[in-house]
Amino acid sequence: MKASLRFEVLKRDRFTCCYCGKTGGETLLEVDHVVPKSAGGKDAIDNLLTACLECNRGKGSRLLMEGRSPLVSEETIAALRDRLAWAKEYDVLRKAEEALVNGYICEAFRAWMHTFGGEEKDGRLTVPEWAPNFPHEGYLRGAIRKYGIEETIEAIRITGNRFNGNFGTSMHQGGALPYFLATLRNRAERGEGVA
């Protein structure tokens, strides 16, 4: 299971065991498969929940309804069903947010390309050969999530103005990306911009 998925489950469940209610401050927390992998359960967010070490070891690879006595009370099962329904809704919202951010990343790439001499033909972006400092998707994703798309594009514009068309020289090749990131941070610290 990916660490990012594990963290999303812990965050969704507010770092609290879904079986007994203990929190991460009280015990070690793990991520449990509601339908165990041995029974065909998948590493999907709607099949995962937060469990303390003790509850997870007690449940083992059984389904919740297996055994001579119920592993948890009817109230806990009802609460678990509510959490699973909420998890599905959370996953839909997370995917929608991800699609929105991906669209913003394309918008920021276009702004960078147009600012620094790239071209767009037939909907495809062409990266200038001189651009070793073209921003990695991760930089743009982080900038957009932290500062917003408008502020990210404004920082790209400011960076373009700073280098005043001297993008091809070796002196400026490595400077545009750090300048862009510093512009975002500085504007946020000064309370400028929209974010």
Protein backbone atom coordinates (compact mmCIF):
# COMPACT_ATOMS: atom_id res chain seq x y z
CA MET A 1 0.00 0.00 0.00
CA LYS A 2 1.32 3.44 -0.91
CA ALA A 3 2.33 5.71 1.94
CA SER A 4 0.23 8.53 0.47
CA LEU A 5 -2.89 6.34 0.51
CA ARG A 6 -2.15 5.26 4.09
CA PHE A 7 -1.87 8.92 5.12
CA GLU A 8 -5.14 9.84 3.35
CA VAL A 9 -6.93 7.11 5.34
CA LEU A 10 -5.43 8.24 8.65
CA LYS A 11 -6.28 11.87 7.86
CA ARG A 12 -9.83 10.99 6.78
CA ASP A 13 -10.39 9.05 10.04
CA ARG A 14 -8.87 11.89 12.08
CA PHE A 15 -6.07 9.63 13.34
CA THR A 16 -8.61 7.69 15.42
CA CYS A 17 -9.20 3.92 15.59
CA CYS A 18 -12.57 3.20 13.97
CA TYR A 19 -13.13 0.19 16.27
CA CYS A 20 -12.35 1.50 19.76
CA GLY A 21 -11.88 5.26 19.37
CA LYS A 22 -8.27 5.47 20.57
CA THR A 23 -6.23 8.23 18.96
CA GLY A 24 -2.70 8.32 17.64
CA GLY A 25 -1.58 10.00 20.85
CA GLU A 26 -2.74 6.98 22.86
CA THR A 27 -1.61 4.07 20.70
CA LEU A 28 0.04 3.03 17.45
CA LEU A 29 -2.29 3.32 14.49
CA GLU A 30 -2.40 1.13 11.40
CA VAL A 31 -4.56 0.98 8.29
CA ASP A 32 -6.86 -2.06 8.19
CA HIS A 33 -8.60 -3.63 5.21
CA VAL A 34 -12.34 -3.93 5.95
CA VAL A 35 -12.48 -6.80 3.46
CA PRO A 36 -9.10 -8.50 3.99
CA LYS A 37 -6.74 -8.99 1.07
CA SER A 38 -7.05 -12.75 1.65
CA ALA A 39 -10.79 -12.41 0.89
CA GLY A 40 -10.23 -10.30 -2.23
CA GLY A 41 -10.13 -6.88 -0.57
CA LYS A 42 -8.30 -4.14 -2.44
CA ASP A 43 -6.05 -1.27 -1.46
CA ALA A 44 -8.87 1.19 -2.16
CA ILE A 45 -9.71 4.09 0.14
CA ASP A 46 -13.29 2.83 0.62
CA ASN A 47 -11.96 -0.56 1.82
CA LEU A 48 -9.50 0.92 4.31
CA LEU A 49 -9.92 2.36 7.76
CA THR A 50 -7.79 3.39 10.70
CA ALA A 51 -7.32 0.80 13.44
CA CYS A 52 -5.13 0.73 16.52
CA LEU A 53 -2.51 -2.00 16.70
CA GLU A 54 -4.52 -3.99 19.26
CA CYS A 55 -7.83 -3.90 17.32
CA ASN A 56 -6.16 -4.65 14.02
CA ARG A 57 -4.32 -7.66 15.46
CA GLY A 58 -7.55 -8.85 17.11
CA LYS A 59 -9.50 -8.64 13.86
CA GLY A 60 -6.75 -10.30 11.85
CA SER A 61 -7.70 -11.35 8.34
CA ARG A 62 -11.34 -12.04 9.18
CA LEU A 63 -14.38 -10.26 7.87
CA LEU A 64 -16.29 -8.22 10.45
CA MET A 65 -19.18 -10.69 10.48
CA GLU A 66 -17.01 -13.81 11.02
CA GLY A 67 -16.55 -15.50 14.38
CA ARG A 68 -18.73 -16.72 17.21
CA SER A 69 -19.26 -13.34 18.74
CA PRO A 70 -19.34 -9.99 17.06
CA LEU A 71 -15.96 -8.27 17.00
CA VAL A 72 -17.64 -4.93 17.48
CA SER A 73 -21.03 -3.68 18.58
CA GLU A 74 -23.92 -2.97 16.22
CA GLU A 75 -23.44 0.74 16.93
CA THR A 76 -19.80 0.51 15.86
CA ILE A 77 -20.78 -1.34 12.67
CA ALA A 78 -23.37 1.35 11.89
CA ALA A 79 -20.77 4.06 12.54
CA LEU A 80 -18.33 2.17 10.34
CA ARG A 81 -20.88 2.06 7.52
CA ASP A 82 -21.33 5.83 7.90
CA ARG A 83 -17.56 6.31 7.75
CA LEU A 84 -17.30 4.17 4.63
CA ALA A 85 -20.05 6.20 2.96
CA TRP A 86 -18.22 9.37 3.97
CA ALA A 87 -14.98 7.87 2.63
CA LYS A 88 -16.58 7.32 -0.77
CA GLU A 89 -17.80 10.92 -0.83
CA TYR A 90 -14.36 12.11 0.29
CA ASP A 91 -12.74 10.13 -2.52
CA VAL A 92 -15.07 11.68 -5.11
CA LEU A 93 -14.24 15.18 -3.83
CA ARG A 94 -10.51 14.39 -3.74
CA LYS A 95 -10.61 13.21 -7.36
CA ALA A 96 -12.54 16.32 -8.40
CA GLU A 97 -9.98 18.53 -6.66
CA GLU A 98 -7.16 16.61 -8.34
CA ALA A 99 -8.76 17.13 -11.77
CA LEU A 100 -9.11 20.85 -11.04
CA VAL A 101 -5.48 21.14 -9.94
CA ASN A 102 -4.35 19.19 -13.04
CA GLY A 103 -6.22 21.72 -15.20
CA TYR A 104 -4.53 24.57 -13.33
CA ILE A 105 -1.15 22.91 -13.87
CA CYS A 106 -1.77 22.93 -17.64
CA GLU A 107 -2.74 26.61 -17.38
CA ALA A 108 0.47 27.41 -15.45
CA PHE A 109 2.60 25.44 -17.95
CA ARG A 110 1.05 27.47 -20.77
CA ALA A 111 1.75 30.72 -18.93
CA TRP A 112 5.36 29.65 -18.36
CA MET A 113 5.75 28.62 -21.98
CA HIS A 114 4.33 31.84 -23.36
CA THR A 115 6.42 33.92 -20.93
CA PHE A 116 9.68 32.12 -21.66
CA GLY A 117 9.45 31.61 -25.41
CA GLY A 118 7.70 28.28 -25.69
CA GLU A 119 5.20 27.56 -28.41
CA GLU A 120 1.82 25.92 -28.56
CA LYS A 121 0.81 24.27 -31.82
CA ASP A 122 -2.28 22.14 -32.26
CA GLY A 123 -2.80 22.09 -28.48
CA ARG A 124 0.72 20.75 -27.79
CA LEU A 125 3.33 22.65 -25.80
CA THR A 126 6.90 22.79 -27.09
CA VAL A 127 9.61 23.29 -24.46
CA PRO A 128 12.49 25.57 -25.49
CA GLU A 129 15.76 23.65 -25.80
CA TRP A 130 17.54 26.11 -23.53
CA ALA A 131 15.10 25.60 -20.65
CA PRO A 132 16.72 23.29 -18.09
CA ASN A 133 14.85 25.22 -15.41
CA PHE A 134 11.41 24.50 -16.84
CA PRO A 135 9.32 23.85 -13.72
CA HIS A 136 8.64 20.26 -12.83
CA GLU A 137 4.96 19.43 -12.37
CA GLY A 138 5.58 19.00 -8.64
CA TYR A 139 6.71 22.64 -8.29
CA LEU A 140 3.61 23.90 -10.03
CA ARG A 141 1.30 21.54 -8.12
CA GLY A 142 2.75 22.73 -4.81
CA ALA A 143 2.60 26.40 -5.84
CA ILE A 144 -1.01 26.14 -6.99
CA ARG A 145 -2.14 24.30 -3.86
CA LYS A 146 -0.35 26.73 -1.55
CA TYR A 147 -0.80 30.07 -3.33
CA GLY A 148 -3.58 29.55 -5.91
CA ILE A 149 -3.54 29.66 -9.70
CA GLU A 150 -3.85 33.46 -10.04
CA GLU A 151 -0.88 34.10 -7.76
CA THR A 152 1.16 31.37 -9.49
CA ILE A 153 0.58 32.95 -12.90
CA GLU A 154 1.35 36.41 -11.50
CA ALA A 155 4.68 35.09 -10.16
CA ILE A 156 5.43 33.66 -13.62
CA ARG A 157 4.70 37.10 -15.15
CA ILE A 158 6.94 38.87 -12.60
CA THR A 159 9.72 36.35 -13.25
CA GLY A 160 9.43 36.94 -16.99
CA ASN A 161 9.66 40.71 -16.48
CA ARG A 162 12.72 40.28 -14.26
CA PHE A 163 14.66 38.41 -16.91
CA ASN A 164 13.47 40.84 -19.59
CA GLY A 165 13.85 38.45 -22.52
CA ASN A 166 17.39 37.28 -21.65
CA PHE A 167 16.26 33.70 -21.21
CA GLY A 168 18.83 31.97 -23.43
CA THR A 169 22.03 33.00 -21.68
CA SER A 170 23.67 30.62 -19.26
CA MET A 171 23.47 33.30 -16.56
CA HIS A 172 19.68 33.21 -16.69
CA GLN A 173 18.96 29.56 -17.45
CA GLY A 174 19.26 28.44 -13.85
CA GLY A 175 17.80 31.59 -12.33
CA ALA A 176 14.21 31.75 -13.54
CA LEU A 177 12.84 28.83 -11.52
CA PRO A 178 14.41 29.84 -8.16
CA TYR A 179 13.31 33.43 -8.81
CA PHE A 180 9.75 32.24 -9.51
CA LEU A 181 9.61 30.21 -6.28
CA ALA A 182 11.13 33.07 -4.25
CA THR A 183 8.60 35.49 -5.78
CA LEU A 184 5.72 33.31 -4.58
CA ARG A 185 7.13 33.06 -1.05
CA ASN A 186 8.00 36.76 -0.80
CA ARG A 187 4.61 37.94 -2.04
CA ALA A 188 2.85 35.63 0.42
CA GLU A 189 5.02 36.86 3.32
CA ARG A 190 4.24 40.47 2.43
CA GLY A 191 0.53 39.68 2.10
CA GLU A 192 0.44 40.62 -1.56
CA GLY A 193 -1.62 38.89 -4.20
CA VAL A 194 -4.78 36.85 -4.03
CA ALA A 195 -3.61 33.93 -1.89
